[in-house]
Amino acid sequence: MLGPPPSRYPPPQIENIVHPITIDSMHALFSTYGLVQKIAIIEKTPHPTTRHVLVQYADSKAAAVALSTLQGYCMYGAGQHKV
């Protein structure tokens, strides 16, 4: 028996990167909203201070809540590491 098809959301983008981002720091941020199964950081982006983060959650509701809650969130003060 097959489960429901995976939901597709655009990958979160982290902007204004001053400090390195890691899988562990992204896991700490995104796991607040649900069970994270996988995380990948896309290093090659057009802008040197921007990264895309691919986050796979166990369920689509957690992904939707994370994206809507973290939209515009800054991991550090002064607009650094803005999601």
PDB file of N, CA and C in Angstrom:
ATOM      1  N   MET A   1       0.848  -1.168   0.000  1.00  0.00           N
ATOM      2  CA  MET A   1       0.000   0.000   0.000  1.00  0.00           C
ATOM      3  C   MET A   1       0.901   1.240   0.000  1.00  0.00           C
ATOM      4  N   LEU A   2       0.625   2.162  -0.870  1.00  0.00           N
ATOM      5  CA  LEU A   2       1.396   3.385  -0.958  1.00  0.00           C
ATOM      6  C   LEU A   2       0.791   4.458  -0.060  1.00  0.00           C
ATOM      7  N   GLY A   3       1.657   5.265   0.520  1.00  0.00           N
ATOM      8  CA  GLY A   3       1.198   6.381   1.336  1.00  0.00           C
ATOM      9  C   GLY A   3       0.812   7.549   0.449  1.00  0.00           C
ATOM     10  N   PRO A   4       0.421   8.662   1.073  1.00  0.00           N
ATOM     11  CA  PRO A   4       0.060   9.837   0.284  1.00  0.00           C
ATOM     12  C   PRO A   4       1.285  10.385  -0.436  1.00  0.00           C
ATOM     13  N   PRO A   5       1.068  11.044  -1.573  1.00  0.00           N
ATOM     14  CA  PRO A   5       2.218  11.596  -2.291  1.00  0.00           C
ATOM     15  C   PRO A   5       2.876  12.705  -1.482  1.00  0.00           C
ATOM     16  N   PRO A   6       4.184  12.877  -1.630  1.00  0.00           N
ATOM     17  CA  PRO A   6       4.850  13.928  -0.859  1.00  0.00           C
ATOM     18  C   PRO A   6       4.385  15.309  -1.313  1.00  0.00           C
ATOM     19  N   SER A   7       4.293  16.224  -0.389  1.00  0.00           N
ATOM     20  CA  SER A   7       3.947  17.597  -0.716  1.00  0.00           C
ATOM     21  C   SER A   7       5.204  18.319  -1.161  1.00  0.00           C
ATOM     22  N   ARG A   8       5.053  19.245  -2.035  1.00  0.00           N
ATOM     23  CA  ARG A   8       6.198  20.003  -2.553  1.00  0.00           C
ATOM     24  C   ARG A   8       6.058  21.460  -2.139  1.00  0.00           C
ATOM     25  N   TYR A   9       7.033  21.946  -1.440  1.00  0.00           N
ATOM     26  CA  TYR A   9       7.100  23.345  -1.046  1.00  0.00           C
ATOM     27  C   TYR A   9       8.416  23.901  -1.570  1.00  0.00           C
ATOM     28  N   PRO A  10       8.476  25.178  -1.884  1.00  0.00           N
ATOM     29  CA  PRO A  10       9.759  25.729  -2.320  1.00  0.00           C
ATOM     30  C   PRO A  10      10.771  25.655  -1.178  1.00  0.00           C
ATOM     31  N   PRO A  11      12.052  25.439  -1.500  1.00  0.00           N
ATOM     32  CA  PRO A  11      13.042  25.333  -0.424  1.00  0.00           C
ATOM     33  C   PRO A  11      13.236  26.666   0.278  1.00  0.00           C
ATOM     34  N   PRO A  12      13.371  26.643   1.596  1.00  0.00           N
ATOM     35  CA  PRO A  12      13.676  27.880   2.307  1.00  0.00           C
ATOM     36  C   PRO A  12      15.000  28.452   1.818  1.00  0.00           C
ATOM     37  N   GLN A  13      15.079  29.754   1.819  1.00  0.00           N
ATOM     38  CA  GLN A  13      16.299  30.451   1.422  1.00  0.00           C
ATOM     39  C   GLN A  13      16.809  31.211   2.628  1.00  0.00           C
ATOM     40  N   ILE A  14      18.080  31.064   2.927  1.00  0.00           N
ATOM     41  CA  ILE A  14      18.711  31.790   4.027  1.00  0.00           C
ATOM     42  C   ILE A  14      19.519  32.925   3.411  1.00  0.00           C
ATOM     43  N   GLU A  15      19.231  34.159   3.804  1.00  0.00           N
ATOM     44  CA  GLU A  15      19.886  35.332   3.226  1.00  0.00           C
ATOM     45  C   GLU A  15      20.746  36.033   4.263  1.00  0.00           C
ATOM     46  N   ASN A  16      21.612  36.921   3.780  1.00  0.00           N
ATOM     47  CA  ASN A  16      22.476  37.741   4.638  1.00  0.00           C
ATOM     48  C   ASN A  16      23.336  36.887   5.555  1.00  0.00           C
ATOM     49  N   ILE A  17      23.926  35.854   5.001  1.00  0.00           N
ATOM     50  CA  ILE A  17      24.739  34.934   5.796  1.00  0.00           C
ATOM     51  C   ILE A  17      26.061  35.602   6.166  1.00  0.00           C
ATOM     52  N   VAL A  18      26.323  35.664   7.437  1.00  0.00           N
ATOM     53  CA  VAL A  18      27.569  36.223   7.954  1.00  0.00           C
ATOM     54  C   VAL A  18      28.403  35.100   8.562  1.00  0.00           C
ATOM     55  N   HIS A  19      27.740  34.209   9.301  1.00  0.00           N
ATOM     56  CA  HIS A  19      28.400  33.059   9.924  1.00  0.00           C
ATOM     57  C   HIS A  19      28.084  31.823   9.087  1.00  0.00           C
ATOM     58  N   PRO A  20      28.971  30.831   9.074  1.00  0.00           N
ATOM     59  CA  PRO A  20      28.680  29.607   8.328  1.00  0.00           C
ATOM     60  C   PRO A  20      27.403  28.942   8.854  1.00  0.00           C
ATOM     61  N   ILE A  21      26.625  28.374   7.938  1.00  0.00           N
ATOM     62  CA  ILE A  21      25.473  27.589   8.366  1.00  0.00           C
ATOM     63  C   ILE A  21      25.838  26.119   8.220  1.00  0.00           C
ATOM     64  N   THR A  22      25.305  25.305   9.111  1.00  0.00           N
ATOM     65  CA  THR A  22      25.617  23.878   9.124  1.00  0.00           C
ATOM     66  C   THR A  22      24.334  23.065   9.141  1.00  0.00           C
ATOM     67  N   ILE A  23      24.465  21.804   8.849  1.00  0.00           N
ATOM     68  CA  ILE A  23      23.324  20.891   8.941  1.00  0.00           C
ATOM     69  C   ILE A  23      22.776  20.914  10.372  1.00  0.00           C
ATOM     70  N   ASP A  24      23.671  20.911  11.359  1.00  0.00           N
ATOM     71  CA  ASP A  24      23.228  20.913  12.763  1.00  0.00           C
ATOM     72  C   ASP A  24      22.441  22.168  13.110  1.00  0.00           C
ATOM     73  N   SER A  25      22.903  23.344  12.656  1.00  0.00           N
ATOM     74  CA  SER A  25      22.173  24.573  12.978  1.00  0.00           C
ATOM     75  C   SER A  25      20.821  24.604  12.275  1.00  0.00           C
ATOM     76  N   MET A  26      20.764  24.100  11.047  1.00  0.00           N
ATOM     77  CA  MET A  26      19.483  24.055  10.334  1.00  0.00           C
ATOM     78  C   MET A  26      18.551  23.027  10.972  1.00  0.00           C
ATOM     79  N   HIS A  27      19.104  21.910  11.422  1.00  0.00           N
ATOM     80  CA  HIS A  27      18.276  20.900  12.097  1.00  0.00           C
ATOM     81  C   HIS A  27      17.695  21.474  13.383  1.00  0.00           C
ATOM     82  N   ALA A  28      18.503  22.194  14.143  1.00  0.00           N
ATOM     83  CA  ALA A  28      18.005  22.805  15.388  1.00  0.00           C
ATOM     84  C   ALA A  28      16.869  23.774  15.094  1.00  0.00           C
ATOM     85  N   LEU A  29      16.993  24.544  14.033  1.00  0.00           N
ATOM     86  CA  LEU A  29      15.956  25.517  13.679  1.00  0.00           C
ATOM     87  C   LEU A  29      14.685  24.834  13.192  1.00  0.00           C
ATOM     88  N   PHE A  30      14.804  23.931  12.228  1.00  0.00           N
ATOM     89  CA  PHE A  30      13.627  23.353  11.583  1.00  0.00           C
ATOM     90  C   PHE A  30      12.982  22.225  12.383  1.00  0.00           C
ATOM     91  N   SER A  31      13.713  21.530  13.241  1.00  0.00           N
ATOM     92  CA  SER A  31      13.122  20.424  13.998  1.00  0.00           C
ATOM     93  C   SER A  31      12.159  20.903  15.080  1.00  0.00           C
ATOM     94  N   THR A  32      12.159  22.187  15.350  1.00  0.00           N
ATOM     95  CA  THR A  32      11.198  22.758  16.287  1.00  0.00           C
ATOM     96  C   THR A  32       9.763  22.508  15.816  1.00  0.00           C
ATOM     97  N   TYR A  33       9.567  22.348  14.521  1.00  0.00           N
ATOM     98  CA  TYR A  33       8.225  22.275  13.939  1.00  0.00           C
ATOM     99  C   TYR A  33       7.791  20.871  13.553  1.00  0.00           C
ATOM    100  N   GLY A  34       8.657  19.886  13.729  1.00  0.00           N
ATOM    101  CA  GLY A  34       8.278  18.518  13.406  1.00  0.00           C
ATOM    102  C   GLY A  34       9.499  17.648  13.169  1.00  0.00           C
ATOM    103  N   LEU A  35       9.241  16.391  12.884  1.00  0.00           N
ATOM    104  CA  LEU A  35      10.304  15.412  12.661  1.00  0.00           C
ATOM    105  C   LEU A  35      10.973  15.670  11.314  1.00  0.00           C
ATOM    106  N   VAL A  36      12.242  16.056  11.348  1.00  0.00           N
ATOM    107  CA  VAL A  36      13.015  16.310  10.133  1.00  0.00           C
ATOM    108  C   VAL A  36      13.683  15.004   9.720  1.00  0.00           C
ATOM    109  N   GLN A  37      13.454  14.604   8.484  1.00  0.00           N
ATOM    110  CA  GLN A  37      14.051  13.372   7.981  1.00  0.00           C
ATOM    111  C   GLN A  37      15.382  13.612   7.285  1.00  0.00           C
ATOM    112  N   LYS A  38      15.476  14.699   6.514  1.00  0.00           N
ATOM    113  CA  LYS A  38      16.709  15.010   5.789  1.00  0.00           C
ATOM    114  C   LYS A  38      16.871  16.518   5.669  1.00  0.00           C
ATOM    115  N   ILE A  39      18.125  16.947   5.607  1.00  0.00           N
ATOM    116  CA  ILE A  39      18.446  18.352   5.341  1.00  0.00           C
ATOM    117  C   ILE A  39      19.642  18.383   4.403  1.00  0.00           C
ATOM    118  N   ALA A  40      19.580  19.265   3.431  1.00  0.00           N
ATOM    119  CA  ALA A  40      20.713  19.502   2.531  1.00  0.00           C
ATOM    120  C   ALA A  40      20.840  21.008   2.332  1.00  0.00           C
ATOM    121  N   ILE A  41      22.067  21.485   2.306  1.00  0.00           N
ATOM    122  CA  ILE A  41      22.331  22.898   2.080  1.00  0.00           C
ATOM    123  C   ILE A  41      22.916  23.045   0.682  1.00  0.00           C
ATOM    124  N   ILE A  42      22.283  23.874  -0.130  1.00  0.00           N
ATOM    125  CA  ILE A  42      22.756  24.136  -1.485  1.00  0.00           C
ATOM    126  C   ILE A  42      23.737  25.303  -1.402  1.00  0.00           C
ATOM    127  N   GLU A  43      24.998  25.013  -1.596  1.00  0.00           N
ATOM    128  CA  GLU A  43      26.047  26.022  -1.446  1.00  0.00           C
ATOM    129  C   GLU A  43      26.160  26.946  -2.653  1.00  0.00           C
ATOM    130  N   LYS A  44      25.892  26.431  -3.842  1.00  0.00           N
ATOM    131  CA  LYS A  44      26.071  27.235  -5.050  1.00  0.00           C
ATOM    132  C   LYS A  44      24.786  27.970  -5.387  1.00  0.00           C
ATOM    133  N   THR A  45      24.776  29.244  -5.086  1.00  0.00           N
ATOM    134  CA  THR A  45      23.647  30.115  -5.407  1.00  0.00           C
ATOM    135  C   THR A  45      24.204  31.355  -6.093  1.00  0.00           C
ATOM    136  N   PRO A  46      23.357  32.116  -6.783  1.00  0.00           N
ATOM    137  CA  PRO A  46      23.851  33.294  -7.490  1.00  0.00           C
ATOM    138  C   PRO A  46      24.467  34.359  -6.580  1.00  0.00           C
ATOM    139  N   HIS A  47      24.043  34.413  -5.345  1.00  0.00           N
ATOM    140  CA  HIS A  47      24.549  35.444  -4.436  1.00  0.00           C
ATOM    141  C   HIS A  47      25.401  34.789  -3.355  1.00  0.00           C
ATOM    142  N   PRO A  48      26.602  35.321  -3.070  1.00  0.00           N
ATOM    143  CA  PRO A  48      27.515  34.656  -2.121  1.00  0.00           C
ATOM    144  C   PRO A  48      27.025  34.598  -0.671  1.00  0.00           C
ATOM    145  N   THR A  49      26.051  35.416  -0.303  1.00  0.00           N
ATOM    146  CA  THR A  49      25.562  35.372   1.087  1.00  0.00           C
ATOM    147  C   THR A  49      24.163  34.776   1.177  1.00  0.00           C
ATOM    148  N   THR A  50      23.804  33.936   0.223  1.00  0.00           N
ATOM    149  CA  THR A  50      22.494  33.275   0.212  1.00  0.00           C
ATOM    150  C   THR A  50      22.693  31.779   0.006  1.00  0.00           C
ATOM    151  N   ARG A  51      21.905  30.976   0.730  1.00  0.00           N
ATOM    152  CA  ARG A  51      21.913  29.523   0.549  1.00  0.00           C
ATOM    153  C   ARG A  51      20.463  29.032   0.523  1.00  0.00           C
ATOM    154  N   HIS A  52      20.219  27.974  -0.223  1.00  0.00           N
ATOM    155  CA  HIS A  52      18.931  27.288  -0.186  1.00  0.00           C
ATOM    156  C   HIS A  52      19.108  26.067   0.701  1.00  0.00           C
ATOM    157  N   VAL A  53      18.081  25.775   1.479  1.00  0.00           N
ATOM    158  CA  VAL A  53      18.126  24.633   2.385  1.00  0.00           C
ATOM    159  C   VAL A  53      16.963  23.709   2.036  1.00  0.00           C
ATOM    160  N   LEU A  54      17.270  22.480   1.708  1.00  0.00           N
ATOM    161  CA  LEU A  54      16.232  21.493   1.437  1.00  0.00           C
ATOM    162  C   LEU A  54      15.951  20.745   2.732  1.00  0.00           C
ATOM    163  N   VAL A  55      14.697  20.805   3.161  1.00  0.00           N
ATOM    164  CA  VAL A  55      14.299  20.172   4.423  1.00  0.00           C
ATOM    165  C   VAL A  55      13.167  19.202   4.117  1.00  0.00           C
ATOM    166  N   GLN A  56      13.344  17.960   4.510  1.00  0.00           N
ATOM    167  CA  GLN A  56      12.296  16.955   4.329  1.00  0.00           C
ATOM    168  C   GLN A  56      11.727  16.599   5.688  1.00  0.00           C
ATOM    169  N   TYR A  57      10.437  16.851   5.853  1.00  0.00           N
ATOM    170  CA  TYR A  57       9.729  16.518   7.089  1.00  0.00           C
ATOM    171  C   TYR A  57       8.997  15.194   6.935  1.00  0.00           C
ATOM    172  N   ALA A  58       8.664  14.596   8.053  1.00  0.00           N
ATOM    173  CA  ALA A  58       7.899  13.348   8.050  1.00  0.00           C
ATOM    174  C   ALA A  58       6.469  13.588   7.570  1.00  0.00           C
ATOM    175  N   ASP A  59       5.938  14.797   7.783  1.00  0.00           N
ATOM    176  CA  ASP A  59       4.585  15.082   7.299  1.00  0.00           C
ATOM    177  C   ASP A  59       4.494  16.510   6.760  1.00  0.00           C
ATOM    178  N   SER A  60       3.584  16.695   5.827  1.00  0.00           N
ATOM    179  CA  SER A  60       3.478  17.975   5.130  1.00  0.00           C
ATOM    180  C   SER A  60       2.958  19.100   6.017  1.00  0.00           C
ATOM    181  N   LYS A  61       2.189  18.787   7.043  1.00  0.00           N
ATOM    182  CA  LYS A  61       1.688  19.837   7.934  1.00  0.00           C
ATOM    183  C   LYS A  61       2.834  20.518   8.675  1.00  0.00           C
ATOM    184  N   ALA A  62       3.811  19.739   9.117  1.00  0.00           N
ATOM    185  CA  ALA A  62       4.977  20.306   9.802  1.00  0.00           C
ATOM    186  C   ALA A  62       5.744  21.228   8.861  1.00  0.00           C
ATOM    187  N   ALA A  63       5.883  20.819   7.602  1.00  0.00           N
ATOM    188  CA  ALA A  63       6.584  21.650   6.615  1.00  0.00           C
ATOM    189  C   ALA A  63       5.856  22.970   6.401  1.00  0.00           C
ATOM    190  N   ALA A  64       4.551  22.912   6.278  1.00  0.00           N
ATOM    191  CA  ALA A  64       3.762  24.129   6.063  1.00  0.00           C
ATOM    192  C   ALA A  64       3.859  25.074   7.256  1.00  0.00           C
ATOM    193  N   VAL A  65       3.788  24.530   8.467  1.00  0.00           N
ATOM    194  CA  VAL A  65       3.888  25.361   9.677  1.00  0.00           C
ATOM    195  C   VAL A  65       5.283  25.986   9.769  1.00  0.00           C
ATOM    196  N   ALA A  66       6.314  25.204   9.498  1.00  0.00           N
ATOM    197  CA  ALA A  66       7.685  25.728   9.560  1.00  0.00           C
ATOM    198  C   ALA A  66       7.872  26.870   8.567  1.00  0.00           C
ATOM    199  N   LEU A  67       7.436  26.677   7.334  1.00  0.00           N
ATOM    200  CA  LEU A  67       7.612  27.724   6.327  1.00  0.00           C
ATOM    201  C   LEU A  67       6.848  28.989   6.673  1.00  0.00           C
ATOM    202  N   SER A  68       5.620  28.843   7.119  1.00  0.00           N
ATOM    203  CA  SER A  68       4.837  30.048   7.429  1.00  0.00           C
ATOM    204  C   SER A  68       5.349  30.741   8.686  1.00  0.00           C
ATOM    205  N   THR A  69       5.814  29.982   9.663  1.00  0.00           N
ATOM    206  CA  THR A  69       6.311  30.564  10.911  1.00  0.00           C
ATOM    207  C   THR A  69       7.674  31.219  10.722  1.00  0.00           C
ATOM    208  N   LEU A  70       8.542  30.591   9.956  1.00  0.00           N
ATOM    209  CA  LEU A  70       9.914  31.083   9.815  1.00  0.00           C
ATOM    210  C   LEU A  70      10.085  32.147   8.730  1.00  0.00           C
ATOM    211  N   GLN A  71       9.047  32.405   7.945  1.00  0.00           N
ATOM    212  CA  GLN A  71       9.140  33.418   6.888  1.00  0.00           C
ATOM    213  C   GLN A  71       9.561  34.756   7.485  1.00  0.00           C
ATOM    214  N   GLY A  72      10.747  35.251   7.117  1.00  0.00           N
ATOM    215  CA  GLY A  72      11.245  36.526   7.615  1.00  0.00           C
ATOM    216  C   GLY A  72      11.999  36.443   8.930  1.00  0.00           C
ATOM    217  N   TYR A  73      12.086  35.253   9.522  1.00  0.00           N
ATOM    218  CA  TYR A  73      12.789  35.073  10.800  1.00  0.00           C
ATOM    219  C   TYR A  73      14.291  35.264  10.609  1.00  0.00           C
ATOM    220  N   CYS A  74      14.936  35.961  11.521  1.00  0.00           N
ATOM    221  CA  CYS A  74      16.392  36.148  11.492  1.00  0.00           C
ATOM    222  C   CYS A  74      17.018  35.322  12.612  1.00  0.00           C
ATOM    223  N   MET A  75      17.927  34.451  12.244  1.00  0.00           N
ATOM    224  CA  MET A  75      18.580  33.582  13.225  1.00  0.00           C
ATOM    225  C   MET A  75      19.476  34.371  14.166  1.00  0.00           C
ATOM    226  N   TYR A  76      20.013  35.472  13.679  1.00  0.00           N
ATOM    227  CA  TYR A  76      20.861  36.347  14.482  1.00  0.00           C
ATOM    228  C   TYR A  76      20.291  37.750  14.356  1.00  0.00           C
ATOM    229  N   GLY A  77      20.689  38.643  15.237  1.00  0.00           N
ATOM    230  CA  GLY A  77      20.190  40.015  15.176  1.00  0.00           C
ATOM    231  C   GLY A  77      20.627  40.738  13.910  1.00  0.00           C
ATOM    232  N   ALA A  78      20.105  41.923  13.722  1.00  0.00           N
ATOM    233  CA  ALA A  78      20.472  42.821  12.625  1.00  0.00           C
ATOM    234  C   ALA A  78      20.208  42.225  11.250  1.00  0.00           C
ATOM    235  N   GLY A  79      19.199  41.380  11.126  1.00  0.00           N
ATOM    236  CA  GLY A  79      18.829  40.852   9.825  1.00  0.00           C
ATOM    237  C   GLY A  79      19.745  39.782   9.265  1.00  0.00           C
ATOM    238  N   GLN A  80      20.609  39.216  10.095  1.00  0.00           N
ATOM    239  CA  GLN A  80      21.541  38.193   9.618  1.00  0.00           C
ATOM    240  C   GLN A  80      20.870  36.829   9.606  1.00  0.00           C
ATOM    241  N   HIS A  81      21.168  36.075   8.577  1.00  0.00           N
ATOM    242  CA  HIS A  81      20.622  34.708   8.396  1.00  0.00           C
ATOM    243  C   HIS A  81      19.099  34.753   8.380  1.00  0.00           C
ATOM    244  N   LYS A  82      18.554  35.559   7.517  1.00  0.00           N
ATOM    245  CA  LYS A  82      17.103  35.719   7.386  1.00  0.00           C
ATOM    246  C   LYS A  82      16.535  34.581   6.534  1.00  0.00           C
ATOM    247  N   VAL A  83      15.481  33.957   7.044  1.00  0.00           N
ATOM    248  CA  VAL A  83      14.812  32.857   6.329  1.00  0.00           C
ATOM    249  C   VAL A  83      13.753  33.449   5.427  1.00  0.00           C
TER     250      VAL A  83
END
